[in-house]
N, C-alpha and C. Protein backbone atom coordinates (compact mmCIF):
# COMPACT_ATOMS: atom_id res chain seq x y z
N UNK A 1 7.31 -0.52 15.16
CA UNK A 1 5.98 -0.99 15.44
C UNK A 1 4.96 -0.02 14.84
N UNK A 2 3.97 -0.56 14.17
CA UNK A 2 2.96 0.26 13.49
C UNK A 2 2.01 0.91 14.49
N UNK A 3 1.60 2.13 14.17
CA UNK A 3 0.64 2.86 14.97
C UNK A 3 -0.65 2.97 14.16
N UNK A 4 -1.66 2.14 14.47
CA UNK A 4 -2.90 2.15 13.69
C UNK A 4 -3.62 3.50 13.70
N UNK A 5 -3.45 4.30 14.73
CA UNK A 5 -4.10 5.61 14.79
C UNK A 5 -3.54 6.56 13.73
N UNK A 6 -2.34 6.27 13.27
CA UNK A 6 -1.72 7.09 12.22
C UNK A 6 -1.92 6.47 10.85
N UNK A 7 -2.68 5.38 10.77
CA UNK A 7 -2.92 4.71 9.49
C UNK A 7 -1.79 3.78 9.09
N UNK A 8 -0.98 3.39 10.05
CA UNK A 8 0.16 2.51 9.76
C UNK A 8 -0.23 1.05 9.92
N UNK A 9 0.39 0.21 9.10
CA UNK A 9 0.27 -1.24 9.24
C UNK A 9 1.67 -1.82 9.19
N UNK A 10 1.84 -2.99 9.78
CA UNK A 10 3.14 -3.65 9.70
C UNK A 10 3.01 -4.90 8.83
N UNK A 11 4.12 -5.27 8.21
CA UNK A 11 4.15 -6.42 7.33
C UNK A 11 5.54 -7.02 7.33
N UNK A 12 5.59 -8.33 7.13
CA UNK A 12 6.88 -9.01 7.02
C UNK A 12 7.31 -9.01 5.56
N UNK A 13 8.33 -8.25 5.28
CA UNK A 13 8.88 -8.13 3.93
C UNK A 13 10.38 -8.32 4.03
N UNK A 14 10.91 -9.22 3.22
CA UNK A 14 12.34 -9.55 3.26
C UNK A 14 12.75 -10.03 4.65
N UNK A 15 11.83 -10.72 5.33
CA UNK A 15 12.13 -11.28 6.64
C UNK A 15 12.19 -10.27 7.77
N UNK A 16 11.81 -9.03 7.50
CA UNK A 16 11.83 -7.98 8.52
C UNK A 16 10.44 -7.36 8.63
N UNK A 17 10.10 -6.96 9.85
CA UNK A 17 8.85 -6.24 10.02
C UNK A 17 9.05 -4.82 9.53
N UNK A 18 8.22 -4.42 8.59
CA UNK A 18 8.30 -3.07 8.02
C UNK A 18 6.97 -2.36 8.25
N UNK A 19 7.05 -1.07 8.50
CA UNK A 19 5.85 -0.24 8.68
C UNK A 19 5.52 0.42 7.35
N UNK A 20 4.25 0.35 6.96
CA UNK A 20 3.76 0.98 5.75
C UNK A 20 2.71 2.01 6.14
N UNK A 21 2.67 3.12 5.41
CA UNK A 21 1.70 4.17 5.69
C UNK A 21 1.43 4.96 4.41
N UNK A 22 0.17 5.18 4.14
CA UNK A 22 -0.19 6.01 2.99
C UNK A 22 -0.34 7.45 3.47
N UNK A 23 0.79 8.14 3.54
CA UNK A 23 0.83 9.55 3.91
C UNK A 23 0.20 10.36 2.78
N UNK A 24 0.00 11.66 3.00
CA UNK A 24 -0.52 12.51 1.92
C UNK A 24 0.37 12.44 0.68
N UNK A 25 1.68 12.44 0.90
CA UNK A 25 2.60 12.34 -0.23
C UNK A 25 2.46 11.01 -0.95
N UNK A 26 2.31 9.93 -0.18
CA UNK A 26 2.14 8.60 -0.77
C UNK A 26 0.82 8.52 -1.54
N UNK A 27 -0.23 9.15 -1.00
CA UNK A 27 -1.51 9.16 -1.70
C UNK A 27 -1.43 9.96 -3.00
N UNK A 28 -0.73 11.09 -2.96
CA UNK A 28 -0.54 11.89 -4.18
C UNK A 28 0.23 11.08 -5.22
N UNK A 29 1.22 10.34 -4.77
CA UNK A 29 1.99 9.47 -5.67
C UNK A 29 1.07 8.42 -6.29
N UNK A 30 0.20 7.81 -5.48
CA UNK A 30 -0.73 6.80 -6.00
C UNK A 30 -1.71 7.41 -7.00
N UNK A 31 -2.25 8.59 -6.70
CA UNK A 31 -3.17 9.25 -7.63
C UNK A 31 -2.51 9.42 -8.99
N UNK A 32 -1.28 9.90 -8.99
CA UNK A 32 -0.57 10.13 -10.25
C UNK A 32 -0.23 8.82 -10.94
N UNK A 33 0.32 7.88 -10.19
CA UNK A 33 0.78 6.61 -10.77
C UNK A 33 -0.38 5.83 -11.39
N UNK A 34 -1.53 5.86 -10.71
CA UNK A 34 -2.67 5.08 -11.18
C UNK A 34 -3.69 5.92 -11.93
N UNK A 35 -3.37 7.20 -12.18
CA UNK A 35 -4.23 8.12 -12.92
C UNK A 35 -5.66 8.11 -12.36
N UNK A 36 -5.74 8.22 -11.02
CA UNK A 36 -7.03 8.16 -10.34
C UNK A 36 -7.75 9.50 -10.31
N UNK A 37 -7.05 10.59 -10.57
CA UNK A 37 -7.68 11.90 -10.59
C UNK A 37 -7.70 12.59 -9.24
N UNK A 38 -8.28 11.91 -8.23
CA UNK A 38 -8.36 12.51 -6.89
C UNK A 38 -8.52 11.40 -5.86
N UNK A 39 -8.65 11.80 -4.59
CA UNK A 39 -8.77 10.81 -3.51
C UNK A 39 -10.06 10.00 -3.63
N UNK A 40 -11.13 10.62 -4.05
CA UNK A 40 -12.39 9.90 -4.22
C UNK A 40 -12.23 8.84 -5.31
N UNK A 41 -11.61 9.23 -6.41
CA UNK A 41 -11.36 8.28 -7.49
C UNK A 41 -10.48 7.13 -7.05
N UNK A 42 -9.49 7.44 -6.23
CA UNK A 42 -8.59 6.40 -5.71
C UNK A 42 -9.37 5.44 -4.82
N UNK A 43 -10.17 5.98 -3.92
CA UNK A 43 -10.97 5.15 -3.02
C UNK A 43 -11.95 4.29 -3.81
N UNK A 44 -12.62 4.88 -4.79
CA UNK A 44 -13.59 4.14 -5.60
C UNK A 44 -12.91 3.02 -6.39
N UNK A 45 -11.71 3.30 -6.86
CA UNK A 45 -10.97 2.30 -7.63
C UNK A 45 -10.75 1.03 -6.82
N UNK A 46 -10.45 1.19 -5.54
CA UNK A 46 -10.13 0.04 -4.71
C UNK A 46 -11.33 -0.53 -3.97
N UNK A 47 -12.41 0.21 -3.88
CA UNK A 47 -13.57 -0.26 -3.11
C UNK A 47 -14.28 -1.43 -3.78
N UNK A 48 -14.09 -1.61 -5.06
CA UNK A 48 -14.73 -2.71 -5.77
C UNK A 48 -14.09 -4.06 -5.51
N UNK A 49 -12.92 -4.07 -4.89
CA UNK A 49 -12.26 -5.33 -4.56
C UNK A 49 -11.42 -5.91 -5.68
N UNK A 50 -11.42 -5.29 -6.85
CA UNK A 50 -10.61 -5.78 -7.97
C UNK A 50 -9.33 -4.97 -8.04
N UNK A 51 -8.22 -5.65 -7.92
CA UNK A 51 -6.92 -4.98 -7.88
C UNK A 51 -5.97 -5.72 -8.82
N UNK A 52 -5.23 -4.97 -9.63
CA UNK A 52 -4.25 -5.57 -10.53
C UNK A 52 -2.90 -5.73 -9.82
N UNK A 53 -2.02 -6.50 -10.42
CA UNK A 53 -0.67 -6.64 -9.88
C UNK A 53 0.03 -5.28 -9.87
N UNK A 54 -0.24 -4.47 -10.88
CA UNK A 54 0.33 -3.12 -10.93
C UNK A 54 -0.18 -2.29 -9.76
N UNK A 55 -1.49 -2.43 -9.44
CA UNK A 55 -2.06 -1.73 -8.29
C UNK A 55 -1.36 -2.15 -7.00
N UNK A 56 -1.18 -3.47 -6.82
CA UNK A 56 -0.52 -3.96 -5.60
C UNK A 56 0.88 -3.39 -5.46
N UNK A 57 1.63 -3.40 -6.55
CA UNK A 57 2.99 -2.87 -6.51
C UNK A 57 2.97 -1.38 -6.16
N UNK A 58 2.04 -0.64 -6.75
CA UNK A 58 1.95 0.80 -6.49
C UNK A 58 1.55 1.06 -5.04
N UNK A 59 0.56 0.32 -4.53
CA UNK A 59 0.09 0.51 -3.15
C UNK A 59 1.18 0.19 -2.16
N UNK A 60 1.79 -0.99 -2.32
CA UNK A 60 2.83 -1.40 -1.36
C UNK A 60 4.06 -0.51 -1.45
N UNK A 61 4.44 -0.13 -2.67
CA UNK A 61 5.60 0.76 -2.83
C UNK A 61 5.35 2.12 -2.18
N UNK A 62 4.18 2.70 -2.44
CA UNK A 62 3.85 3.99 -1.84
C UNK A 62 3.77 3.87 -0.32
N UNK A 63 3.18 2.77 0.16
CA UNK A 63 3.08 2.55 1.60
C UNK A 63 4.43 2.40 2.27
N UNK A 64 5.33 1.68 1.62
CA UNK A 64 6.69 1.54 2.17
C UNK A 64 7.40 2.88 2.20
N UNK A 65 7.32 3.62 1.10
CA UNK A 65 7.97 4.94 1.07
C UNK A 65 7.34 5.87 2.10
N UNK A 66 6.00 5.82 2.24
CA UNK A 66 5.32 6.62 3.25
C UNK A 66 5.72 6.22 4.67
N UNK A 67 6.12 4.97 4.83
CA UNK A 67 6.59 4.47 6.12
C UNK A 67 8.07 4.71 6.36
N UNK A 68 8.73 5.39 5.41
CA UNK A 68 10.12 5.77 5.59
C UNK A 68 11.14 4.84 4.97
N UNK A 69 10.71 3.92 4.12
CA UNK A 69 11.63 2.97 3.48
C UNK A 69 11.92 3.43 2.05
N UNK A 70 13.17 3.66 1.75
CA UNK A 70 13.57 4.08 0.41
C UNK A 70 13.62 2.85 -0.49
N UNK A 71 12.52 2.60 -1.20
CA UNK A 71 12.43 1.42 -2.04
C UNK A 71 11.72 1.80 -3.34
N UNK A 72 12.28 1.33 -4.45
CA UNK A 72 11.64 1.57 -5.74
C UNK A 72 10.68 0.41 -6.04
N UNK A 73 9.83 0.59 -7.03
CA UNK A 73 8.93 -0.49 -7.40
C UNK A 73 9.71 -1.67 -7.98
N UNK A 74 10.84 -1.41 -8.64
CA UNK A 74 11.70 -2.49 -9.11
C UNK A 74 12.27 -3.28 -7.94
N UNK A 75 12.70 -2.57 -6.89
CA UNK A 75 13.19 -3.24 -5.68
C UNK A 75 12.08 -4.09 -5.08
N UNK A 76 10.90 -3.50 -4.95
CA UNK A 76 9.76 -4.21 -4.36
C UNK A 76 9.42 -5.47 -5.14
N UNK A 77 9.51 -5.41 -6.45
CA UNK A 77 9.19 -6.57 -7.28
C UNK A 77 10.09 -7.76 -6.99
N UNK A 78 11.28 -7.50 -6.49
CA UNK A 78 12.22 -8.58 -6.19
C UNK A 78 12.19 -9.02 -4.72
N UNK A 79 11.42 -8.32 -3.90
CA UNK A 79 11.40 -8.62 -2.47
C UNK A 79 10.49 -9.81 -2.16
N UNK A 80 10.85 -10.53 -1.10
CA UNK A 80 10.02 -11.63 -0.62
C UNK A 80 8.99 -11.05 0.36
N UNK A 81 7.74 -11.24 0.03
CA UNK A 81 6.66 -10.81 0.90
C UNK A 81 6.04 -12.04 1.51
N UNK A 82 5.99 -12.07 2.84
CA UNK A 82 5.44 -13.23 3.53
C UNK A 82 4.03 -13.51 3.02
N UNK A 83 3.79 -14.73 2.60
CA UNK A 83 2.48 -15.11 2.08
C UNK A 83 2.36 -14.96 0.57
N UNK A 84 3.43 -14.51 -0.09
CA UNK A 84 3.42 -14.39 -1.54
C UNK A 84 2.37 -13.40 -2.04
N UNK A 85 1.73 -13.72 -3.15
CA UNK A 85 0.74 -12.84 -3.75
C UNK A 85 -0.44 -12.61 -2.80
N UNK A 86 -0.90 -13.67 -2.16
CA UNK A 86 -2.01 -13.53 -1.22
C UNK A 86 -1.61 -12.61 -0.07
N UNK A 87 -0.40 -12.79 0.44
CA UNK A 87 0.09 -11.93 1.52
C UNK A 87 0.18 -10.48 1.08
N UNK A 88 0.66 -10.23 -0.14
CA UNK A 88 0.75 -8.87 -0.66
C UNK A 88 -0.63 -8.23 -0.76
N UNK A 89 -1.61 -9.01 -1.25
CA UNK A 89 -2.98 -8.50 -1.36
C UNK A 89 -3.56 -8.18 0.01
N UNK A 90 -3.28 -9.02 0.99
CA UNK A 90 -3.79 -8.79 2.35
C UNK A 90 -3.16 -7.55 2.97
N UNK A 91 -1.86 -7.34 2.74
CA UNK A 91 -1.19 -6.14 3.25
C UNK A 91 -1.80 -4.90 2.62
N UNK A 92 -1.99 -4.94 1.31
CA UNK A 92 -2.57 -3.79 0.61
C UNK A 92 -3.98 -3.51 1.13
N UNK A 93 -4.78 -4.54 1.36
CA UNK A 93 -6.14 -4.36 1.86
C UNK A 93 -6.12 -3.74 3.26
N UNK A 94 -5.22 -4.22 4.13
CA UNK A 94 -5.12 -3.64 5.47
C UNK A 94 -4.70 -2.18 5.40
N UNK A 95 -3.78 -1.88 4.50
CA UNK A 95 -3.29 -0.51 4.34
C UNK A 95 -4.40 0.42 3.84
N UNK A 96 -5.17 -0.06 2.87
CA UNK A 96 -6.27 0.75 2.35
C UNK A 96 -7.36 0.95 3.40
N UNK A 97 -7.67 -0.10 4.18
CA UNK A 97 -8.65 0.05 5.26
C UNK A 97 -8.16 1.03 6.31
N UNK A 98 -6.87 0.98 6.63
CA UNK A 98 -6.30 1.91 7.62
C UNK A 98 -6.36 3.35 7.13
N UNK A 99 -6.29 3.53 5.82
CA UNK A 99 -6.28 4.87 5.23
C UNK A 99 -7.69 5.40 4.97
N UNK A 100 -8.53 4.57 4.34
CA UNK A 100 -9.85 5.03 3.90
C UNK A 100 -11.00 4.53 4.78
N UNK A 101 -10.74 3.62 5.69
CA UNK A 101 -11.80 3.05 6.51
C UNK A 101 -12.27 1.73 5.93
N UNK A 102 -13.23 1.13 6.57
CA UNK A 102 -13.70 -0.20 6.18
C UNK A 102 -14.31 -0.28 4.80
N UNK A 103 -14.82 0.82 4.29
CA UNK A 103 -15.47 0.79 2.97
C UNK A 103 -14.48 0.60 1.84
N UNK A 104 -13.19 0.86 2.09
CA UNK A 104 -12.19 0.75 1.01
C UNK A 104 -11.81 -0.67 0.74
């Protein structure tokens, strides 16, 4: 079960409830993967509301790994996410809001 005070969100992936969290390690991974430079750059990148499929994969993958799930981005690309693309985008948005606040 996700703990929102810790920045965790839950999502149905592969028919199971999984906890996602952007830990400091997951955020560092995202900065590097998306060449954001720093946390401010990462927050600014997502605050505009425009997100690529690559961004979604990176956010969800980092969030799953931060939540304790050993999953690669290749694994994630093959997983069934409840709600499809729209569901994936909603999970990523909830995760970013839990991490950066409502402005993200």
